[in-house]
């Protein structure tokens, strides 16, 4: 069973894109499940996915990387037992750090009855709010980009080509090792490409531990 982690700050368009992605993978014959993490009491993203006919489970009340990691592990086991998906798309809270969830997944593997294969971590970046987020939430946004194997610059249908190019250059300056692609949950651009990457690649990127430790210290 593959597990694909899709991170990104609040409002980056993850849920809209994931609905299209789940449908794309389903059209290829894969059984897809979704786990949506929300630190609040009402999970709007899960309700939206279910309204589109998708199987979605929520893990609420805290971040699945730490406070409710046990619930997350149980959810994975239950999904496999009841549904046996080929792939689980995991949408952590908008403030989650990529390597935090990866560690949680690794710790949960001993409790699972199926072998888990990690796909590349995908971080969504909001093209419309990039400058504002970098100014106000620079450490968090940079940490999410740094922890990614693939960075998807979302909503590029709404900005000029020269602005897109500038943001892509700045993203690569933060994480030169990641693949940087563009897309749009509104038009569906990039959905098929992301589906290809998830199903064809496993996670092999080596984390830069010095950077991880630095960001973890900032958010401890």
C-alpha atoms as a PDB file:
ATOM      1  CA  UNK A   1       0.000   0.000   0.000  1.00  0.00           C
ATOM      2  CA  UNK A   2       1.329   3.400  -0.960  1.00  0.00           C
ATOM      3  CA  UNK A   3       1.000   6.425   1.292  1.00  0.00           C
ATOM      4  CA  UNK A   4       1.289   9.863  -0.283  1.00  0.00           C
ATOM      5  CA  UNK A   5       1.767  12.859   1.968  1.00  0.00           C
ATOM      6  CA  UNK A   6       0.549  16.210   0.636  1.00  0.00           C
ATOM      7  CA  UNK A   7       1.540  19.196   2.763  1.00  0.00           C
ATOM      8  CA  UNK A   8       1.168  22.935   2.401  1.00  0.00           C
ATOM      9  CA  UNK A   9       0.037  25.975   4.324  1.00  0.00           C
ATOM     10  CA  UNK A  10      -3.643  26.703   4.926  1.00  0.00           C
ATOM     11  CA  UNK A  11      -5.425  27.814   1.775  1.00  0.00           C
ATOM     12  CA  UNK A  12      -2.832  26.490  -0.665  1.00  0.00           C
ATOM     13  CA  UNK A  13      -5.502  24.508  -2.513  1.00  0.00           C
ATOM     14  CA  UNK A  14      -4.594  21.004  -1.352  1.00  0.00           C
ATOM     15  CA  UNK A  15      -8.127  19.672  -0.892  1.00  0.00           C
ATOM     16  CA  UNK A  16      -9.452  20.851  -4.249  1.00  0.00           C
ATOM     17  CA  UNK A  17      -6.436  19.363  -6.009  1.00  0.00           C
ATOM     18  CA  UNK A  18      -6.635  16.112  -4.016  1.00  0.00           C
ATOM     19  CA  UNK A  19     -10.254  15.569  -5.049  1.00  0.00           C
ATOM     20  CA  UNK A  20      -9.181  15.696  -8.689  1.00  0.00           C
ATOM     21  CA  UNK A  21      -6.133  13.553  -7.950  1.00  0.00           C
ATOM     22  CA  UNK A  22      -8.198  10.865  -6.212  1.00  0.00           C
ATOM     23  CA  UNK A  23     -10.591  10.747  -9.146  1.00  0.00           C
ATOM     24  CA  UNK A  24      -7.693  10.528 -11.603  1.00  0.00           C
ATOM     25  CA  UNK A  25      -6.136   7.616  -9.704  1.00  0.00           C
ATOM     26  CA  UNK A  26      -9.538   5.954  -9.433  1.00  0.00           C
ATOM     27  CA  UNK A  27     -10.031   6.223 -13.188  1.00  0.00           C
ATOM     28  CA  UNK A  28      -6.776   4.286 -13.587  1.00  0.00           C
ATOM     29  CA  UNK A  29      -8.187   1.417 -11.558  1.00  0.00           C
ATOM     30  CA  UNK A  30      -6.568   2.143  -8.177  1.00  0.00           C
ATOM     31  CA  UNK A  31      -8.461   1.954  -4.896  1.00  0.00           C
ATOM     32  CA  UNK A  32      -7.916   5.296  -3.172  1.00  0.00           C
ATOM     33  CA  UNK A  33      -8.584   6.425   0.388  1.00  0.00           C
ATOM     34  CA  UNK A  34      -8.051   9.836   1.944  1.00  0.00           C
ATOM     35  CA  UNK A  35      -7.003  10.808   5.468  1.00  0.00           C
ATOM     36  CA  UNK A  36      -7.590  14.448   6.348  1.00  0.00           C
ATOM     37  CA  UNK A  37      -6.125  15.971   9.502  1.00  0.00           C
ATOM     38  CA  UNK A  38      -7.702  19.011  11.124  1.00  0.00           C
ATOM     39  CA  UNK A  39      -6.768  20.519  14.478  1.00  0.00           C
ATOM     40  CA  UNK A  40     -10.303  21.835  14.907  1.00  0.00           C
ATOM     41  CA  UNK A  41     -13.571  20.097  15.749  1.00  0.00           C
ATOM     42  CA  UNK A  42     -15.266  20.292  12.335  1.00  0.00           C
ATOM     43  CA  UNK A  43     -13.375  18.849   9.399  1.00  0.00           C
ATOM     44  CA  UNK A  44     -14.667  20.756   6.384  1.00  0.00           C
ATOM     45  CA  UNK A  45     -12.140  19.139   4.032  1.00  0.00           C
ATOM     46  CA  UNK A  46     -13.392  15.618   4.818  1.00  0.00           C
ATOM     47  CA  UNK A  47     -16.995  16.701   4.295  1.00  0.00           C
ATOM     48  CA  UNK A  48     -16.067  18.230   0.944  1.00  0.00           C
ATOM     49  CA  UNK A  49     -14.316  15.043  -0.189  1.00  0.00           C
ATOM     50  CA  UNK A  50     -17.236  12.864   0.852  1.00  0.00           C
ATOM     51  CA  UNK A  51     -19.652  15.158  -1.002  1.00  0.00           C
ATOM     52  CA  UNK A  52     -17.661  14.315  -4.140  1.00  0.00           C
ATOM     53  CA  UNK A  53     -18.114  10.589  -3.539  1.00  0.00           C
ATOM     54  CA  UNK A  54     -14.637   9.900  -2.154  1.00  0.00           C
ATOM     55  CA  UNK A  55     -13.715   7.708   0.803  1.00  0.00           C
ATOM     56  CA  UNK A  56     -12.324  10.062   3.441  1.00  0.00           C
ATOM     57  CA  UNK A  57     -11.410   9.539   7.077  1.00  0.00           C
ATOM     58  CA  UNK A  58     -10.636  12.336   9.483  1.00  0.00           C
ATOM     59  CA  UNK A  59      -8.136  12.572  12.305  1.00  0.00           C
ATOM     60  CA  UNK A  60      -9.090  15.587  14.390  1.00  0.00           C
ATOM     61  CA  UNK A  61      -8.175  17.258  17.657  1.00  0.00           C
ATOM     62  CA  UNK A  62      -4.480  17.764  17.013  1.00  0.00           C
ATOM     63  CA  UNK A  63      -1.662  17.261  14.561  1.00  0.00           C
ATOM     64  CA  UNK A  64      -1.176  13.656  13.376  1.00  0.00           C
ATOM     65  CA  UNK A  65       2.582  14.173  13.621  1.00  0.00           C
ATOM     66  CA  UNK A  66       2.423  14.365  17.417  1.00  0.00           C
ATOM     67  CA  UNK A  67      -0.742  14.821  19.514  1.00  0.00           C
ATOM     68  CA  UNK A  68      -2.920  12.246  17.748  1.00  0.00           C
ATOM     69  CA  UNK A  69      -0.323  10.031  16.098  1.00  0.00           C
ATOM     70  CA  UNK A  70      -1.862   6.939  17.707  1.00  0.00           C
ATOM     71  CA  UNK A  71      -5.244   7.723  16.171  1.00  0.00           C
ATOM     72  CA  UNK A  72      -3.563   8.167  12.807  1.00  0.00           C
ATOM     73  CA  UNK A  73      -1.910   4.751  13.064  1.00  0.00           C
ATOM     74  CA  UNK A  74      -5.212   3.126  13.993  1.00  0.00           C
ATOM     75  CA  UNK A  75      -6.909   4.809  11.043  1.00  0.00           C
ATOM     76  CA  UNK A  76      -4.331   3.369   8.638  1.00  0.00           C
ATOM     77  CA  UNK A  77      -4.801  -0.138  10.038  1.00  0.00           C
ATOM     78  CA  UNK A  78      -8.589   0.142   9.888  1.00  0.00           C
ATOM     79  CA  UNK A  79      -8.515   1.408   6.312  1.00  0.00           C
ATOM     80  CA  UNK A  80      -6.384  -1.535   5.230  1.00  0.00           C
ATOM     81  CA  UNK A  81      -8.540  -4.054   7.071  1.00  0.00           C
ATOM     82  CA  UNK A  82     -11.853  -2.728   5.754  1.00  0.00           C
ATOM     83  CA  UNK A  83     -10.983  -1.346   2.317  1.00  0.00           C
ATOM     84  CA  UNK A  84      -7.481  -2.471   1.297  1.00  0.00           C
ATOM     85  CA  UNK A  85      -6.650   0.654  -0.729  1.00  0.00           C
ATOM     86  CA  UNK A  86      -3.794   0.728  -3.206  1.00  0.00           C
ATOM     87  CA  UNK A  87      -2.954   4.223  -2.048  1.00  0.00           C
ATOM     88  CA  UNK A  88      -3.834   6.530   0.836  1.00  0.00           C
ATOM     89  CA  UNK A  89      -3.620  10.262   0.231  1.00  0.00           C
ATOM     90  CA  UNK A  90      -2.784  11.996   3.511  1.00  0.00           C
ATOM     91  CA  UNK A  91      -3.506  15.702   3.979  1.00  0.00           C
ATOM     92  CA  UNK A  92      -1.980  16.868   7.274  1.00  0.00           C
ATOM     93  CA  UNK A  93      -2.953  20.126   8.932  1.00  0.00           C
ATOM     94  CA  UNK A  94      -1.697  23.273   7.238  1.00  0.00           C
ATOM     95  CA  UNK A  95       0.973  23.800   9.881  1.00  0.00           C
ATOM     96  CA  UNK A  96       2.452  20.277   9.776  1.00  0.00           C
ATOM     97  CA  UNK A  97       6.104  19.704   8.900  1.00  0.00           C
ATOM     98  CA  UNK A  98       6.729  16.962   6.317  1.00  0.00           C
ATOM     99  CA  UNK A  99       9.343  14.972   8.226  1.00  0.00           C
ATOM    100  CA  UNK A 100       7.150  14.904  11.337  1.00  0.00           C
ATOM    101  CA  UNK A 101       4.530  12.830   9.548  1.00  0.00           C
ATOM    102  CA  UNK A 102       7.182  10.665   7.919  1.00  0.00           C
ATOM    103  CA  UNK A 103       8.533   9.751  11.342  1.00  0.00           C
ATOM    104  CA  UNK A 104       5.028   8.967  12.578  1.00  0.00           C
ATOM    105  CA  UNK A 105       4.478   6.689   9.594  1.00  0.00           C
ATOM    106  CA  UNK A 106       7.751   4.892  10.169  1.00  0.00           C
ATOM    107  CA  UNK A 107       6.878   4.317  13.816  1.00  0.00           C
ATOM    108  CA  UNK A 108       3.454   2.969  12.845  1.00  0.00           C
ATOM    109  CA  UNK A 109       4.757   0.461  10.298  1.00  0.00           C
ATOM    110  CA  UNK A 110       5.457  -2.146  12.986  1.00  0.00           C
ATOM    111  CA  UNK A 111       1.765  -2.125  13.881  1.00  0.00           C
ATOM    112  CA  UNK A 112       0.487  -2.492  10.320  1.00  0.00           C
ATOM    113  CA  UNK A 113      -0.455  -5.724   8.612  1.00  0.00           C
ATOM    114  CA  UNK A 114       0.681  -4.478   5.228  1.00  0.00           C
ATOM    115  CA  UNK A 115       3.942  -3.164   3.863  1.00  0.00           C
ATOM    116  CA  UNK A 116       3.829   0.606   3.411  1.00  0.00           C
ATOM    117  CA  UNK A 117       5.622   2.279   0.530  1.00  0.00           C
ATOM    118  CA  UNK A 118       6.260   5.995   0.855  1.00  0.00           C
ATOM    119  CA  UNK A 119       5.752   8.068  -2.256  1.00  0.00           C
ATOM    120  CA  UNK A 120       7.550  11.400  -2.684  1.00  0.00           C
ATOM    121  CA  UNK A 121       6.389  14.090  -0.255  1.00  0.00           C
ATOM    122  CA  UNK A 122       4.518  16.822  -2.121  1.00  0.00           C
ATOM    123  CA  UNK A 123       4.332  20.352  -0.737  1.00  0.00           C
ATOM    124  CA  UNK A 124       1.794  22.782  -2.171  1.00  0.00           C
ATOM    125  CA  UNK A 125       2.734  26.446  -2.458  1.00  0.00           C
ATOM    126  CA  UNK A 126       0.059  29.085  -3.011  1.00  0.00           C
ATOM    127  CA  UNK A 127       1.144  31.175  -5.992  1.00  0.00           C
ATOM    128  CA  UNK A 128      -1.355  33.931  -5.178  1.00  0.00           C
ATOM    129  CA  UNK A 129      -0.132  34.436  -1.605  1.00  0.00           C
ATOM    130  CA  UNK A 130       3.519  33.465  -1.869  1.00  0.00           C
ATOM    131  CA  UNK A 131       4.976  36.893  -1.071  1.00  0.00           C
ATOM    132  CA  UNK A 132       2.598  37.463   1.832  1.00  0.00           C
ATOM    133  CA  UNK A 133       3.250  34.030   3.356  1.00  0.00           C
ATOM    134  CA  UNK A 134       7.012  34.345   3.010  1.00  0.00           C
ATOM    135  CA  UNK A 135       6.860  37.719   4.763  1.00  0.00           C
ATOM    136  CA  UNK A 136       4.657  36.544   7.645  1.00  0.00           C
ATOM    137  CA  UNK A 137       5.271  32.774   7.945  1.00  0.00           C
ATOM    138  CA  UNK A 138       8.706  32.431   6.409  1.00  0.00           C
ATOM    139  CA  UNK A 139      10.104  29.714   8.702  1.00  0.00           C
ATOM    140  CA  UNK A 140       7.066  27.454   8.377  1.00  0.00           C
ATOM    141  CA  UNK A 141       6.688  27.879   4.615  1.00  0.00           C
ATOM    142  CA  UNK A 142      10.402  27.352   4.072  1.00  0.00           C
ATOM    143  CA  UNK A 143      10.344  24.275   6.331  1.00  0.00           C
ATOM    144  CA  UNK A 144       7.511  22.745   4.316  1.00  0.00           C
ATOM    145  CA  UNK A 145       9.368  23.436   1.057  1.00  0.00           C
ATOM    146  CA  UNK A 146      12.617  22.100   2.476  1.00  0.00           C
ATOM    147  CA  UNK A 147      10.977  18.831   3.534  1.00  0.00           C
ATOM    148  CA  UNK A 148       9.481  18.176   0.104  1.00  0.00           C
ATOM    149  CA  UNK A 149      10.581  15.847  -2.665  1.00  0.00           C
ATOM    150  CA  UNK A 150       8.193  17.602  -5.026  1.00  0.00           C
ATOM    151  CA  UNK A 151       6.997  21.202  -4.718  1.00  0.00           C
ATOM    152  CA  UNK A 152       3.807  22.032  -6.597  1.00  0.00           C
ATOM    153  CA  UNK A 153       3.255  25.714  -7.238  1.00  0.00           C
ATOM    154  CA  UNK A 154      -0.542  25.803  -7.252  1.00  0.00           C
ATOM    155  CA  UNK A 155      -2.981  28.329  -8.782  1.00  0.00           C
ATOM    156  CA  UNK A 156      -0.575  29.303 -11.550  1.00  0.00           C
ATOM    157  CA  UNK A 157      -3.565  29.849 -13.831  1.00  0.00           C
ATOM    158  CA  UNK A 158      -4.211  33.048 -11.864  1.00  0.00           C
ATOM    159  CA  UNK A 159      -0.779  34.705 -12.182  1.00  0.00           C
ATOM    160  CA  UNK A 160       1.422  35.957 -15.005  1.00  0.00           C
ATOM    161  CA  UNK A 161       4.156  33.794 -16.477  1.00  0.00           C
ATOM    162  CA  UNK A 162       6.928  36.106 -15.278  1.00  0.00           C
ATOM    163  CA  UNK A 163       5.588  35.990 -11.706  1.00  0.00           C
ATOM    164  CA  UNK A 164       5.452  32.207 -11.907  1.00  0.00           C
ATOM    165  CA  UNK A 165       9.061  32.065 -13.048  1.00  0.00           C
ATOM    166  CA  UNK A 166      10.182  34.341 -10.207  1.00  0.00           C
ATOM    167  CA  UNK A 167       8.459  32.193  -7.571  1.00  0.00           C
ATOM    168  CA  UNK A 168       9.897  29.002  -9.067  1.00  0.00           C
ATOM    169  CA  UNK A 169      13.400  30.450  -8.802  1.00  0.00           C
ATOM    170  CA  UNK A 170      12.819  31.378  -5.157  1.00  0.00           C
ATOM    171  CA  UNK A 171      11.448  27.919  -4.349  1.00  0.00           C
ATOM    172  CA  UNK A 172      14.501  26.262  -5.905  1.00  0.00           C
ATOM    173  CA  UNK A 173      16.735  28.518  -3.813  1.00  0.00           C
ATOM    174  CA  UNK A 174      15.138  27.058  -0.665  1.00  0.00           C
ATOM    175  CA  UNK A 175      15.231  23.445  -1.862  1.00  0.00           C
ATOM    176  CA  UNK A 176      17.414  22.813  -4.911  1.00  0.00           C
ATOM    177  CA  UNK A 177      16.973  19.046  -4.525  1.00  0.00           C
ATOM    178  CA  UNK A 178      13.207  18.998  -5.037  1.00  0.00           C
ATOM    179  CA  UNK A 179      11.368  18.660  -8.322  1.00  0.00           C
ATOM    180  CA  UNK A 180       9.369  21.863  -8.793  1.00  0.00           C
ATOM    181  CA  UNK A 181       6.235  21.717 -10.926  1.00  0.00           C
ATOM    182  CA  UNK A 182       3.179  23.886 -11.542  1.00  0.00           C
ATOM    183  CA  UNK A 183      -0.514  23.128 -11.419  1.00  0.00           C
ATOM    184  CA  UNK A 184      -4.034  24.306 -10.733  1.00  0.00           C
ATOM    185  CA  UNK A 185      -6.863  22.680  -8.848  1.00  0.00           C
ATOM    186  CA  UNK A 186      -9.264  24.931 -10.751  1.00  0.00           C
ATOM    187  CA  UNK A 187      -8.260  23.872 -14.262  1.00  0.00           C
ATOM    188  CA  UNK A 188      -6.876  20.431 -13.426  1.00  0.00           C
ATOM    189  CA  UNK A 189      -3.436  21.299 -14.759  1.00  0.00           C
ATOM    190  CA  UNK A 190      -0.765  19.054 -13.266  1.00  0.00           C
ATOM    191  CA  UNK A 191      -3.172  16.449 -11.844  1.00  0.00           C
ATOM    192  CA  UNK A 192      -2.189  13.701 -14.277  1.00  0.00           C
ATOM    193  CA  UNK A 193       1.504  14.480 -13.788  1.00  0.00           C
ATOM    194  CA  UNK A 194       1.220  14.235 -10.003  1.00  0.00           C
ATOM    195  CA  UNK A 195      -0.661  10.932 -10.345  1.00  0.00           C
ATOM    196  CA  UNK A 196       2.205   9.605 -12.478  1.00  0.00           C
ATOM    197  CA  UNK A 197       4.805  10.684  -9.917  1.00  0.00           C
ATOM    198  CA  UNK A 198       2.930   9.091  -7.037  1.00  0.00           C
ATOM    199  CA  UNK A 199       2.434   5.747  -8.724  1.00  0.00           C
ATOM    200  CA  UNK A 200       5.823   5.506 -10.420  1.00  0.00           C
ATOM    201  CA  UNK A 201       8.185   6.750  -7.724  1.00  0.00           C
ATOM    202  CA  UNK A 202       9.076   5.776  -4.191  1.00  0.00           C
ATOM    203  CA  UNK A 203      10.650   8.143  -1.725  1.00  0.00           C
ATOM    204  CA  UNK A 204      14.436   7.926  -1.906  1.00  0.00           C
ATOM    205  CA  UNK A 205      15.518  11.464  -1.113  1.00  0.00           C
ATOM    206  CA  UNK A 206      17.904  11.799   1.816  1.00  0.00           C
ATOM    207  CA  UNK A 207      16.908  14.518   4.297  1.00  0.00           C
ATOM    208  CA  UNK A 208      19.369  17.236   5.132  1.00  0.00           C
ATOM    209  CA  UNK A 209      19.513  16.596   8.857  1.00  0.00           C
ATOM    210  CA  UNK A 210      21.116  19.910   9.760  1.00  0.00           C
ATOM    211  CA  UNK A 211      18.228  21.794   8.185  1.00  0.00           C
ATOM    212  CA  UNK A 212      15.681  19.512   9.842  1.00  0.00           C
ATOM    213  CA  UNK A 213      17.182  20.061  13.262  1.00  0.00           C
ATOM    214  CA  UNK A 214      17.298  23.814  12.744  1.00  0.00           C
ATOM    215  CA  UNK A 215      13.629  24.082  11.816  1.00  0.00           C
ATOM    216  CA  UNK A 216      12.524  21.652  14.507  1.00  0.00           C
ATOM    217  CA  UNK A 217      14.329  23.780  17.091  1.00  0.00           C
ATOM    218  CA  UNK A 218      12.506  26.864  15.824  1.00  0.00           C
ATOM    219  CA  UNK A 219       9.116  25.200  16.264  1.00  0.00           C
ATOM    220  CA  UNK A 220       9.778  23.270  19.474  1.00  0.00           C
END
